[in-house]
Protein backbone atom coordinates (compact mmCIF):
# COMPACT_ATOMS: atom_id res chain seq x y z
CA MET A 1 -56.20 -166.56 53.58
CA ALA A 2 -57.39 -165.71 57.28
CA PHE A 3 -61.02 -166.16 56.34
CA ALA A 4 -60.39 -169.66 54.97
CA ASP A 5 -58.44 -170.62 57.92
CA ASP A 6 -61.15 -169.28 60.22
CA VAL A 7 -63.83 -171.20 58.35
CA LEU A 8 -61.86 -174.44 58.73
CA GLU A 9 -61.37 -173.81 62.48
CA VAL A 10 -65.15 -173.38 62.89
CA VAL A 11 -65.87 -176.48 60.88
CA ASP A 12 -63.37 -178.52 62.81
CA SER A 13 -65.02 -177.45 66.08
CA ILE A 14 -68.60 -178.70 65.05
CA PRO A 15 -69.10 -181.79 67.25
CA PRO A 16 -70.10 -185.08 65.73
CA GLY A 17 -73.86 -185.42 65.34
CA HIS A 18 -74.32 -181.67 64.88
CA VAL A 19 -74.36 -179.27 61.91
CA LEU A 20 -74.22 -175.59 60.89
CA SER A 21 -75.40 -174.06 57.72
CA TYR A 22 -73.09 -172.25 55.41
CA GLY A 23 -74.63 -169.00 56.53
CA ASP A 24 -74.25 -169.93 60.20
CA VAL A 25 -70.37 -170.52 59.68
CA ALA A 26 -70.09 -167.23 58.01
CA ALA A 27 -72.10 -165.36 60.64
CA LEU A 28 -69.94 -166.81 63.39
CA LEU A 29 -67.03 -165.10 61.59
CA GLY A 30 -68.86 -161.75 61.34
CA SER A 31 -69.46 -162.33 57.62
CA ARG A 32 -72.35 -162.89 55.21
CA ALA A 33 -70.10 -164.84 52.82
CA ALA A 34 -71.98 -168.20 52.86
CA ARG A 35 -70.71 -169.10 49.36
CA ALA A 36 -67.15 -168.44 50.40
CA VAL A 37 -67.65 -170.95 53.18
CA GLY A 38 -68.73 -173.58 50.60
CA THR A 39 -65.73 -172.63 48.33
CA THR A 40 -63.27 -172.93 51.32
CA LEU A 41 -64.64 -176.53 52.11
CA ARG A 42 -64.54 -177.48 48.47
CA MET A 43 -60.91 -176.35 48.20
CA SER A 44 -59.86 -178.09 51.41
CA GLY A 45 -59.83 -181.52 49.72
CA GLY A 46 -62.13 -183.20 52.17
CA SER A 47 -59.77 -183.07 55.08
CA HIS A 48 -62.25 -181.42 57.34
CA PRO A 49 -65.74 -182.59 58.40
CA TRP A 50 -67.47 -180.96 55.39
CA TRP A 51 -70.75 -183.07 56.02
CA ARG A 52 -71.29 -181.03 59.21
CA VAL A 53 -72.08 -177.90 57.01
CA VAL A 54 -75.43 -178.13 55.33
CA ARG A 55 -77.58 -176.18 53.01
CA SER A 56 -80.75 -174.32 53.91
CA GLY A 57 -83.30 -176.60 55.43
CA GLY A 58 -80.75 -179.26 56.44
CA LEU A 59 -80.06 -180.48 52.93
CA PRO A 60 -76.61 -182.12 52.48
CA PRO A 61 -73.91 -180.76 50.25
CA VAL A 62 -74.72 -181.08 46.59
CA GLY A 63 -73.11 -184.02 44.86
CA HIS A 64 -72.15 -185.61 48.19
CA GLU A 65 -75.46 -186.74 49.50
CA GLN A 66 -74.68 -190.44 49.87
CA ARG A 67 -71.30 -189.94 51.49
CA ALA A 68 -72.77 -187.28 53.79
CA ARG A 69 -75.49 -189.72 54.79
CA GLU A 70 -73.07 -192.38 55.76
CA HIS A 71 -71.30 -189.90 58.06
CA TYR A 72 -74.62 -188.68 59.55
CA GLU A 73 -75.58 -192.23 60.30
CA GLU A 74 -72.25 -193.05 61.84
CA GLU A 75 -72.44 -190.03 64.00
CA GLY A 76 -76.07 -190.26 64.93
CA THR A 77 -77.04 -186.96 63.32
CA PRO A 78 -80.85 -186.78 63.41
CA LEU A 79 -82.38 -187.08 59.90
CA ARG A 80 -85.84 -186.78 58.48
CA VAL A 81 -87.44 -188.14 55.35
CA ILE A 82 -88.29 -185.67 52.58
CA SER A 83 -90.22 -186.26 49.37
CA ARG A 84 -87.69 -184.67 47.01
CA GLU A 85 -84.08 -185.76 46.20
CA PRO A 86 -81.99 -186.83 48.11
CA GLY A 87 -84.91 -188.25 50.13
CA TYR A 88 -83.55 -187.09 53.47
CA ALA A 89 -82.39 -183.96 55.27
CA VAL A 90 -80.74 -183.30 58.59
CA GLU A 91 -83.24 -182.42 61.34
CA TYR A 92 -81.81 -179.02 61.45
CA ALA A 93 -83.56 -177.68 64.55
CA VAL A 94 -82.40 -180.57 66.58
CA ALA A 95 -78.85 -181.00 65.11
CA ARG A 96 -77.89 -177.34 64.84
CA TRP A 97 -74.78 -176.61 66.92
CA ARG A 98 -74.90 -173.62 69.24
CA PRO A 99 -71.34 -172.83 70.22
CA SER A 100 -71.07 -171.14 73.66
CA HIS A 101 -67.75 -169.49 72.49
CA PRO A 102 -67.32 -168.92 68.75
CA ALA A 103 -64.09 -170.28 67.32
CA ALA A 104 -63.05 -167.01 65.61
């Protein structure tokens, strides 16, 4: 259970308007288990800022694109228009959080 707790600690520490990829969260924990990060967020029941963890290229979580966009707009997360669904992505190079002290 320690990995899941550590994932949620990292996710909770991502500031509004910033994001990390699933792989980034795993790497901060010394792991390559990006899919386990996604599973942890899915099992958390939405009580953590799940929208701040994005797929490769800044794409929002599958199945939650509209809800995520509402959060991004509310937080001022930089977005860009893309030609495929969902029609937008987070401007990852700009919005990527670079923690000075990893949470775990």
